[in-house]
Amino acid sequence: MSIAESVRRAGYVISTGRVEDASSYGCKLLRQDRIKTYVQKLKDKKFSQDLLSFNEKRSFLARAVRADASNPDPDLVQEVVETHGEHGSSKRVKIVSKLEALNIDNKMSGDEYRDRQPQANNPFLFIVSLGKAGAIQDAQLGALPHQCEVIEAEITPA
């Protein structure tokens, strides 16, 4: 709504009754610190009400991953294409990417496998390091060794 309408609804009475005077008075009010602070609080409150919570976002991603492609929820549908031909009509529905939903969910949960990346690049380092003292206990606890010896090996045909 306009500033003049806001002034009128707030209960201020402008003696002249002119819209221009109400707008002018409203602009003067908006420059006051207490009004600025109150308006900012109202904006922040409205903004926070409109935001999706962390749980709502993760719930949407879970629904996207578990969606049945033959009967998806309407909010998971990105595109609908209907074609009419001589053999009848067909309908193609494109839904949210399940792989992208998994990637986003991994990022949101902080599970991007960065801490396990060096071992994932060379699985032999992990196997060799299990033979070292204490490594088996660490592996049972879920910890991967950070530094391993490099073993030179050669594959020969049989």
N, C-alpha and C. Protein backbone atom coordinates (compact mmCIF):
# COMPACT_ATOMS: atom_id res chain seq x y z
N MET A 1 0.84 -1.19 0.00
CA MET A 1 0.00 0.00 0.00
C MET A 1 0.88 1.24 0.00
N SER A 2 0.30 2.33 -0.31
CA SER A 2 1.07 3.58 -0.38
C SER A 2 1.38 4.11 1.02
N ILE A 3 2.30 5.04 1.08
CA ILE A 3 2.67 5.65 2.36
C ILE A 3 1.48 6.39 2.96
N ALA A 4 0.73 7.12 2.11
CA ALA A 4 -0.44 7.85 2.59
C ALA A 4 -1.47 6.90 3.19
N GLU A 5 -1.71 5.76 2.53
CA GLU A 5 -2.67 4.78 3.05
C GLU A 5 -2.16 4.18 4.35
N SER A 6 -0.87 3.95 4.44
CA SER A 6 -0.27 3.42 5.67
C SER A 6 -0.45 4.39 6.84
N VAL A 7 -0.26 5.68 6.57
CA VAL A 7 -0.44 6.70 7.61
C VAL A 7 -1.89 6.70 8.09
N ARG A 8 -2.81 6.63 7.15
CA ARG A 8 -4.24 6.64 7.50
C ARG A 8 -4.60 5.40 8.31
N ARG A 9 -4.13 4.22 7.89
CA ARG A 9 -4.45 2.98 8.61
C ARG A 9 -3.78 2.91 9.97
N ALA A 10 -2.67 3.59 10.13
CA ALA A 10 -1.99 3.61 11.43
C ALA A 10 -2.72 4.48 12.44
N GLY A 11 -3.71 5.23 11.99
CA GLY A 11 -4.52 6.03 12.90
C GLY A 11 -4.18 7.51 12.95
N TYR A 12 -3.23 7.94 12.13
CA TYR A 12 -2.90 9.36 12.09
C TYR A 12 -3.98 10.12 11.33
N VAL A 13 -4.32 11.30 11.85
CA VAL A 13 -5.32 12.14 11.20
C VAL A 13 -4.61 13.36 10.62
N ILE A 14 -4.75 13.54 9.33
CA ILE A 14 -4.16 14.70 8.64
C ILE A 14 -5.28 15.71 8.49
N SER A 15 -5.07 16.91 9.06
CA SER A 15 -6.13 17.90 9.12
C SER A 15 -6.62 18.33 7.74
N THR A 16 -5.74 18.39 6.75
CA THR A 16 -6.17 18.82 5.42
C THR A 16 -6.88 17.71 4.67
N GLY A 17 -6.55 16.45 5.03
CA GLY A 17 -7.19 15.32 4.35
C GLY A 17 -6.60 15.03 2.98
N ARG A 18 -5.62 15.77 2.57
CA ARG A 18 -5.02 15.56 1.26
C ARG A 18 -4.04 14.38 1.29
N VAL A 19 -3.99 13.64 0.22
CA VAL A 19 -3.11 12.49 0.10
C VAL A 19 -1.65 12.94 0.13
N GLU A 20 -1.37 14.08 -0.50
CA GLU A 20 0.01 14.57 -0.55
C GLU A 20 0.53 14.89 0.84
N ASP A 21 -0.33 15.46 1.69
CA ASP A 21 0.08 15.79 3.05
C ASP A 21 0.32 14.52 3.88
N ALA A 22 -0.53 13.53 3.68
CA ALA A 22 -0.36 12.26 4.38
C ALA A 22 0.93 11.58 3.94
N SER A 23 1.23 11.63 2.65
CA SER A 23 2.48 11.05 2.14
C SER A 23 3.69 11.78 2.72
N SER A 24 3.62 13.09 2.78
CA SER A 24 4.71 13.89 3.32
C SER A 24 4.93 13.55 4.79
N TYR A 25 3.83 13.44 5.55
CA TYR A 25 3.94 13.11 6.96
C TYR A 25 4.50 11.69 7.14
N GLY A 26 4.09 10.77 6.28
CA GLY A 26 4.58 9.40 6.34
C GLY A 26 6.08 9.33 6.08
N CYS A 27 6.55 10.11 5.10
CA CYS A 27 7.99 10.15 4.81
C CYS A 27 8.78 10.69 6.01
N LYS A 28 8.18 11.69 6.69
CA LYS A 28 8.83 12.25 7.86
C LYS A 28 8.90 11.20 8.97
N LEU A 29 7.83 10.42 9.13
CA LEU A 29 7.83 9.36 10.14
C LEU A 29 8.88 8.28 9.82
N LEU A 30 9.01 7.93 8.55
CA LEU A 30 9.94 6.87 8.16
C LEU A 30 11.41 7.24 8.41
N ARG A 31 11.69 8.51 8.58
CA ARG A 31 13.06 8.93 8.86
C ARG A 31 13.41 8.82 10.35
N GLN A 32 12.41 8.63 11.21
CA GLN A 32 12.66 8.51 12.64
C GLN A 32 13.25 7.13 12.97
N ASP A 33 14.21 7.11 13.89
CA ASP A 33 14.90 5.86 14.23
C ASP A 33 13.96 4.80 14.77
N ARG A 34 13.03 5.18 15.64
CA ARG A 34 12.13 4.18 16.22
C ARG A 34 11.24 3.56 15.16
N ILE A 35 10.84 4.33 14.17
CA ILE A 35 10.00 3.80 13.09
C ILE A 35 10.84 2.91 12.17
N LYS A 36 12.06 3.36 11.87
CA LYS A 36 12.95 2.56 11.03
C LYS A 36 13.20 1.19 11.67
N THR A 37 13.46 1.20 12.97
CA THR A 37 13.74 -0.04 13.70
C THR A 37 12.52 -0.95 13.69
N TYR A 38 11.35 -0.39 13.92
CA TYR A 38 10.13 -1.19 13.95
C TYR A 38 9.81 -1.77 12.57
N VAL A 39 9.97 -0.98 11.54
CA VAL A 39 9.70 -1.46 10.17
C VAL A 39 10.69 -2.58 9.82
N GLN A 40 11.95 -2.43 10.21
CA GLN A 40 12.94 -3.47 9.95
C GLN A 40 12.60 -4.74 10.68
N LYS A 41 12.13 -4.65 11.93
CA LYS A 41 11.72 -5.83 12.68
C LYS A 41 10.58 -6.55 11.98
N LEU A 42 9.61 -5.79 11.47
CA LEU A 42 8.48 -6.39 10.76
C LEU A 42 8.94 -7.08 9.47
N LYS A 43 9.87 -6.45 8.76
CA LYS A 43 10.40 -7.05 7.52
C LYS A 43 11.15 -8.34 7.84
N ASP A 44 11.98 -8.31 8.89
CA ASP A 44 12.73 -9.49 9.27
C ASP A 44 11.81 -10.63 9.68
N LYS A 45 10.76 -10.30 10.43
CA LYS A 45 9.80 -11.32 10.87
C LYS A 45 9.10 -11.94 9.67
N LYS A 46 8.68 -11.13 8.74
CA LYS A 46 8.00 -11.64 7.53
C LYS A 46 8.96 -12.48 6.70
N PHE A 47 10.20 -12.03 6.58
CA PHE A 47 11.20 -12.76 5.81
C PHE A 47 11.47 -14.12 6.43
N SER A 48 11.61 -14.17 7.75
CA SER A 48 11.89 -15.45 8.41
C SER A 48 10.70 -16.40 8.33
N GLN A 49 9.49 -15.88 8.25
CA GLN A 49 8.31 -16.74 8.10
C GLN A 49 8.26 -17.37 6.71
N ASP A 50 8.78 -16.65 5.72
CA ASP A 50 8.74 -17.15 4.35
C ASP A 50 9.86 -18.13 4.03
N LEU A 51 10.91 -18.16 4.85
CA LEU A 51 12.04 -19.05 4.59
C LEU A 51 11.68 -20.50 4.86
N LEU A 52 12.29 -21.38 4.10
CA LEU A 52 12.16 -22.80 4.39
C LEU A 52 13.15 -23.17 5.48
N SER A 53 12.72 -24.00 6.41
CA SER A 53 13.62 -24.44 7.45
C SER A 53 14.56 -25.51 6.88
N PHE A 54 15.62 -25.80 7.62
CA PHE A 54 16.57 -26.83 7.22
C PHE A 54 15.86 -28.17 7.03
N ASN A 55 14.97 -28.49 7.97
CA ASN A 55 14.23 -29.76 7.90
C ASN A 55 13.29 -29.80 6.70
N GLU A 56 12.66 -28.67 6.38
CA GLU A 56 11.77 -28.63 5.22
C GLU A 56 12.56 -28.87 3.93
N LYS A 57 13.74 -28.28 3.83
CA LYS A 57 14.58 -28.49 2.65
C LYS A 57 15.00 -29.94 2.53
N ARG A 58 15.46 -30.53 3.62
CA ARG A 58 15.90 -31.93 3.59
C ARG A 58 14.72 -32.86 3.30
N SER A 59 13.55 -32.52 3.81
CA SER A 59 12.35 -33.32 3.54
C SER A 59 11.99 -33.30 2.06
N PHE A 60 12.09 -32.11 1.44
CA PHE A 60 11.81 -31.99 0.00
C PHE A 60 12.79 -32.85 -0.79
N LEU A 61 14.07 -32.79 -0.43
CA LEU A 61 15.08 -33.57 -1.14
C LEU A 61 14.83 -35.07 -0.98
N ALA A 62 14.41 -35.49 0.20
CA ALA A 62 14.11 -36.91 0.43
C ALA A 62 12.91 -37.34 -0.42
N ARG A 63 11.90 -36.48 -0.50
CA ARG A 63 10.74 -36.81 -1.35
C ARG A 63 11.13 -36.88 -2.81
N ALA A 64 12.07 -36.01 -3.22
CA ALA A 64 12.52 -36.02 -4.62
C ALA A 64 13.25 -37.32 -4.95
N VAL A 65 14.06 -37.80 -4.01
CA VAL A 65 14.79 -39.04 -4.24
C VAL A 65 13.84 -40.23 -4.27
N ARG A 66 12.84 -40.23 -3.42
CA ARG A 66 11.92 -41.37 -3.31
C ARG A 66 10.71 -41.27 -4.24
N ALA A 67 10.65 -40.25 -5.04
CA ALA A 67 9.46 -40.01 -5.89
C ALA A 67 9.26 -41.14 -6.90
N ASP A 68 8.01 -41.50 -7.08
CA ASP A 68 7.62 -42.47 -8.10
C ASP A 68 7.44 -41.70 -9.41
N ALA A 69 8.22 -42.03 -10.41
CA ALA A 69 8.19 -41.29 -11.67
C ALA A 69 6.85 -41.41 -12.38
N SER A 70 6.13 -42.50 -12.13
CA SER A 70 4.84 -42.67 -12.81
C SER A 70 3.72 -41.83 -12.17
N ASN A 71 3.91 -41.45 -10.90
CA ASN A 71 2.89 -40.67 -10.21
C ASN A 71 3.56 -39.71 -9.22
N PRO A 72 4.30 -38.70 -9.70
CA PRO A 72 5.04 -37.82 -8.79
C PRO A 72 4.13 -36.77 -8.14
N ASP A 73 4.58 -36.25 -7.01
CA ASP A 73 3.89 -35.14 -6.38
C ASP A 73 3.96 -33.93 -7.32
N PRO A 74 2.91 -33.11 -7.36
CA PRO A 74 2.91 -31.96 -8.29
C PRO A 74 4.07 -30.99 -8.09
N ASP A 75 4.55 -30.82 -6.85
CA ASP A 75 5.64 -29.87 -6.64
C ASP A 75 7.00 -30.42 -7.06
N LEU A 76 7.08 -31.69 -7.43
CA LEU A 76 8.33 -32.28 -7.92
C LEU A 76 8.40 -32.29 -9.45
N VAL A 77 7.30 -31.92 -10.09
CA VAL A 77 7.24 -31.93 -11.55
C VAL A 77 7.85 -30.64 -12.08
N GLN A 78 8.80 -30.77 -13.02
CA GLN A 78 9.43 -29.60 -13.62
C GLN A 78 8.84 -29.28 -14.98
N GLU A 79 8.40 -30.30 -15.70
CA GLU A 79 7.92 -30.07 -17.05
C GLU A 79 6.94 -31.17 -17.43
N VAL A 80 5.89 -30.81 -18.14
CA VAL A 80 4.92 -31.76 -18.66
C VAL A 80 4.77 -31.49 -20.15
N VAL A 81 4.97 -32.53 -20.97
CA VAL A 81 4.83 -32.39 -22.42
C VAL A 81 3.79 -33.39 -22.88
N GLU A 82 2.74 -32.91 -23.49
CA GLU A 82 1.70 -33.78 -24.04
C GLU A 82 1.77 -33.73 -25.55
N THR A 83 1.78 -34.89 -26.17
CA THR A 83 1.78 -34.96 -27.62
C THR A 83 0.56 -35.73 -28.09
N HIS A 84 -0.01 -35.26 -29.17
CA HIS A 84 -1.19 -35.91 -29.76
C HIS A 84 -0.83 -36.36 -31.16
N GLY A 85 -0.93 -37.64 -31.39
CA GLY A 85 -0.60 -38.19 -32.70
C GLY A 85 -1.73 -39.06 -33.20
N GLU A 86 -1.49 -39.70 -34.30
CA GLU A 86 -2.53 -40.54 -34.89
C GLU A 86 -2.76 -41.81 -34.09
N HIS A 87 -1.79 -42.22 -33.26
CA HIS A 87 -1.95 -43.42 -32.43
C HIS A 87 -2.42 -43.09 -31.03
N GLY A 88 -2.85 -41.89 -30.80
CA GLY A 88 -3.31 -41.47 -29.49
C GLY A 88 -2.42 -40.39 -28.91
N SER A 89 -2.66 -40.07 -27.69
CA SER A 89 -1.87 -39.02 -27.05
C SER A 89 -0.92 -39.64 -26.03
N SER A 90 0.17 -38.97 -25.81
CA SER A 90 1.13 -39.42 -24.81
C SER A 90 1.53 -38.23 -23.95
N LYS A 91 1.95 -38.55 -22.78
CA LYS A 91 2.30 -37.51 -21.81
C LYS A 91 3.68 -37.86 -21.24
N ARG A 92 4.59 -36.89 -21.27
CA ARG A 92 5.93 -37.07 -20.72
C ARG A 92 6.08 -36.09 -19.56
N VAL A 93 6.46 -36.62 -18.41
CA VAL A 93 6.61 -35.81 -17.21
C VAL A 93 8.07 -35.84 -16.80
N LYS A 94 8.68 -34.66 -16.64
CA LYS A 94 10.06 -34.55 -16.17
C LYS A 94 10.00 -34.11 -14.71
N ILE A 95 10.64 -34.90 -13.84
CA ILE A 95 10.64 -34.56 -12.42
C ILE A 95 12.03 -34.10 -12.00
N VAL A 96 12.14 -33.66 -10.77
CA VAL A 96 13.39 -33.20 -10.19
C VAL A 96 14.42 -34.33 -10.28
N SER A 97 15.66 -33.98 -10.59
CA SER A 97 16.74 -34.95 -10.70
C SER A 97 17.04 -35.59 -9.35
N LYS A 98 16.95 -36.90 -9.31
CA LYS A 98 17.21 -37.62 -8.06
C LYS A 98 18.70 -37.53 -7.67
N LEU A 99 19.58 -37.62 -8.66
CA LEU A 99 21.01 -37.52 -8.36
C LEU A 99 21.38 -36.13 -7.84
N GLU A 100 20.80 -35.11 -8.44
CA GLU A 100 21.07 -33.75 -7.96
C GLU A 100 20.53 -33.56 -6.55
N ALA A 101 19.36 -34.14 -6.27
CA ALA A 101 18.80 -34.06 -4.91
C ALA A 101 19.72 -34.74 -3.91
N LEU A 102 20.29 -35.88 -4.29
CA LEU A 102 21.24 -36.57 -3.41
C LEU A 102 22.49 -35.72 -3.17
N ASN A 103 23.01 -35.12 -4.23
CA ASN A 103 24.19 -34.27 -4.09
C ASN A 103 23.92 -33.09 -3.17
N ILE A 104 22.79 -32.44 -3.33
CA ILE A 104 22.45 -31.29 -2.48
C ILE A 104 22.27 -31.74 -1.04
N ASP A 105 21.62 -32.88 -0.83
CA ASP A 105 21.41 -33.39 0.52
C ASP A 105 22.76 -33.72 1.17
N ASN A 106 23.69 -34.30 0.41
CA ASN A 106 25.02 -34.58 0.95
C ASN A 106 25.72 -33.30 1.38
N LYS A 107 25.61 -32.27 0.56
CA LYS A 107 26.23 -30.98 0.91
C LYS A 107 25.59 -30.38 2.16
N MET A 108 24.26 -30.48 2.25
CA MET A 108 23.57 -29.92 3.41
C MET A 108 23.92 -30.66 4.70
N SER A 109 24.14 -31.96 4.59
CA SER A 109 24.45 -32.74 5.78
C SER A 109 25.94 -32.71 6.11
N GLY A 110 26.74 -32.13 5.20
CA GLY A 110 28.18 -32.05 5.44
C GLY A 110 28.90 -33.34 5.11
N ASP A 111 28.25 -34.24 4.40
CA ASP A 111 28.83 -35.54 4.09
C ASP A 111 29.26 -35.56 2.63
N GLU A 112 30.41 -34.94 2.35
CA GLU A 112 30.88 -34.88 0.97
C GLU A 112 32.07 -35.80 0.72
N TYR A 113 32.41 -36.64 1.67
CA TYR A 113 33.47 -37.62 1.56
C TYR A 113 34.84 -36.98 1.31
N ARG A 114 35.03 -35.74 1.66
CA ARG A 114 36.34 -35.10 1.47
C ARG A 114 37.40 -35.71 2.38
N ASP A 115 36.98 -36.13 3.57
CA ASP A 115 37.95 -36.69 4.50
C ASP A 115 38.43 -38.06 4.05
N ARG A 116 37.74 -38.72 3.15
CA ARG A 116 38.11 -40.06 2.71
C ARG A 116 38.66 -40.08 1.28
N GLN A 117 38.80 -38.93 0.69
CA GLN A 117 39.18 -38.87 -0.72
C GLN A 117 40.56 -39.48 -1.03
N PRO A 118 41.62 -39.23 -0.27
CA PRO A 118 42.92 -39.82 -0.63
C PRO A 118 42.88 -41.34 -0.65
N GLN A 119 42.22 -41.96 0.30
CA GLN A 119 42.15 -43.41 0.34
C GLN A 119 41.27 -43.94 -0.79
N ALA A 120 40.26 -43.19 -1.18
CA ALA A 120 39.38 -43.63 -2.25
C ALA A 120 40.12 -43.65 -3.59
N ASN A 121 41.13 -42.79 -3.74
CA ASN A 121 41.89 -42.75 -4.98
C ASN A 121 42.79 -43.97 -5.13
N ASN A 122 43.29 -44.52 -4.04
CA ASN A 122 44.18 -45.66 -4.11
C ASN A 122 43.74 -46.68 -3.05
N PRO A 123 42.86 -47.60 -3.40
CA PRO A 123 42.35 -48.56 -2.40
C PRO A 123 43.44 -49.47 -1.86
N PHE A 124 44.54 -49.68 -2.60
CA PHE A 124 45.61 -50.55 -2.12
C PHE A 124 46.30 -49.98 -0.89
N LEU A 125 46.39 -48.65 -0.80
CA LEU A 125 47.01 -48.04 0.37
C LEU A 125 46.24 -48.39 1.63
N PHE A 126 44.94 -48.42 1.53
CA PHE A 126 44.11 -48.75 2.68
C PHE A 126 44.31 -50.21 3.08
N ILE A 127 44.35 -51.11 2.11
CA ILE A 127 44.52 -52.54 2.39
C ILE A 127 45.88 -52.80 3.03
N VAL A 128 46.93 -52.22 2.47
CA VAL A 128 48.27 -52.43 3.00
C VAL A 128 48.39 -51.86 4.41
N SER A 129 47.78 -50.72 4.64
CA SER A 129 47.90 -50.08 5.95
C SER A 129 47.15 -50.83 7.03
N LEU A 130 46.19 -51.68 6.67
CA LEU A 130 45.48 -52.46 7.68
C LEU A 130 46.40 -53.44 8.39
N GLY A 131 47.46 -53.87 7.73
CA GLY A 131 48.39 -54.81 8.32
C GLY A 131 49.29 -54.19 9.37
N LYS A 132 49.35 -52.91 9.43
CA LYS A 132 50.21 -52.24 10.41
C LYS A 132 49.62 -52.31 11.81
N ALA A 133 50.45 -52.25 12.81
CA ALA A 133 49.99 -52.31 14.20
C ALA A 133 49.08 -51.13 14.51
N GLY A 134 47.95 -51.43 15.09
CA GLY A 134 47.01 -50.37 15.48
C GLY A 134 46.06 -49.95 14.38
N ALA A 135 46.38 -50.30 13.15
CA ALA A 135 45.52 -49.86 12.04
C ALA A 135 44.19 -50.59 12.05
N ILE A 136 44.20 -51.87 12.49
CA ILE A 136 42.96 -52.63 12.52
C ILE A 136 42.01 -52.02 13.54
N GLN A 137 42.55 -51.63 14.70
CA GLN A 137 41.69 -50.99 15.70
C GLN A 137 41.13 -49.68 15.16
N ASP A 138 41.96 -48.89 14.48
CA ASP A 138 41.49 -47.64 13.90
C ASP A 138 40.40 -47.90 12.86
N ALA A 139 40.58 -48.96 12.06
CA ALA A 139 39.61 -49.27 11.02
C ALA A 139 38.29 -49.69 11.65
N GLN A 140 38.36 -50.42 12.78
CA GLN A 140 37.12 -50.82 13.45
C GLN A 140 36.39 -49.62 14.01
N LEU A 141 37.12 -48.59 14.37
CA LEU A 141 36.52 -47.37 14.88
C LEU A 141 36.04 -46.45 13.75
N GLY A 142 36.34 -46.81 12.51
CA GLY A 142 35.90 -46.01 11.38
C GLY A 142 36.91 -44.99 10.91
N ALA A 143 38.10 -45.00 11.51
CA ALA A 143 39.11 -44.03 11.11
C ALA A 143 39.97 -44.61 10.00
N LEU A 144 40.28 -43.80 9.04
CA LEU A 144 41.16 -44.23 7.97
C LEU A 144 42.55 -43.65 8.22
N PRO A 145 43.61 -44.42 7.91
CA PRO A 145 44.95 -43.89 8.11
C PRO A 145 45.22 -42.74 7.17
N HIS A 146 45.93 -41.74 7.65
CA HIS A 146 46.18 -40.56 6.84
C HIS A 146 47.45 -40.69 6.01
N GLN A 147 48.48 -41.38 6.52
CA GLN A 147 49.71 -41.52 5.77
C GLN A 147 50.07 -43.00 5.70
N CYS A 148 50.34 -43.47 4.52
CA CYS A 148 50.68 -44.88 4.32
C CYS A 148 51.97 -44.96 3.54
N GLU A 149 52.66 -46.10 3.70
CA GLU A 149 53.85 -46.33 2.90
C GLU A 149 53.46 -46.60 1.47
N VAL A 150 54.33 -46.24 0.56
CA VAL A 150 54.11 -46.53 -0.84
C VAL A 150 54.87 -47.80 -1.17
N ILE A 151 54.18 -48.75 -1.74
CA ILE A 151 54.78 -50.03 -2.09
C ILE A 151 54.85 -50.10 -3.61
N GLU A 152 56.05 -50.41 -4.11
CA GLU A 152 56.20 -50.57 -5.55
C GLU A 152 55.81 -51.98 -5.91
N ALA A 153 54.97 -52.13 -6.92
CA ALA A 153 54.51 -53.46 -7.33
C ALA A 153 54.49 -53.51 -8.85
N GLU A 154 54.56 -54.71 -9.34
CA GLU A 154 54.56 -54.90 -10.78
C GLU A 154 53.63 -56.05 -11.11
N ILE A 155 52.80 -55.88 -12.12
CA ILE A 155 51.90 -56.94 -12.55
C ILE A 155 52.55 -57.62 -13.75
N THR A 156 52.72 -58.94 -13.63
CA THR A 156 53.32 -59.70 -14.72
C THR A 156 52.30 -60.69 -15.27
N PRO A 157 52.30 -60.90 -16.57
CA PRO A 157 51.34 -61.87 -17.14
C PRO A 157 51.68 -63.29 -16.68
N ALA A 158 50.66 -64.09 -16.49
CA ALA A 158 50.86 -65.46 -15.99
C ALA A 158 51.27 -66.43 -17.07
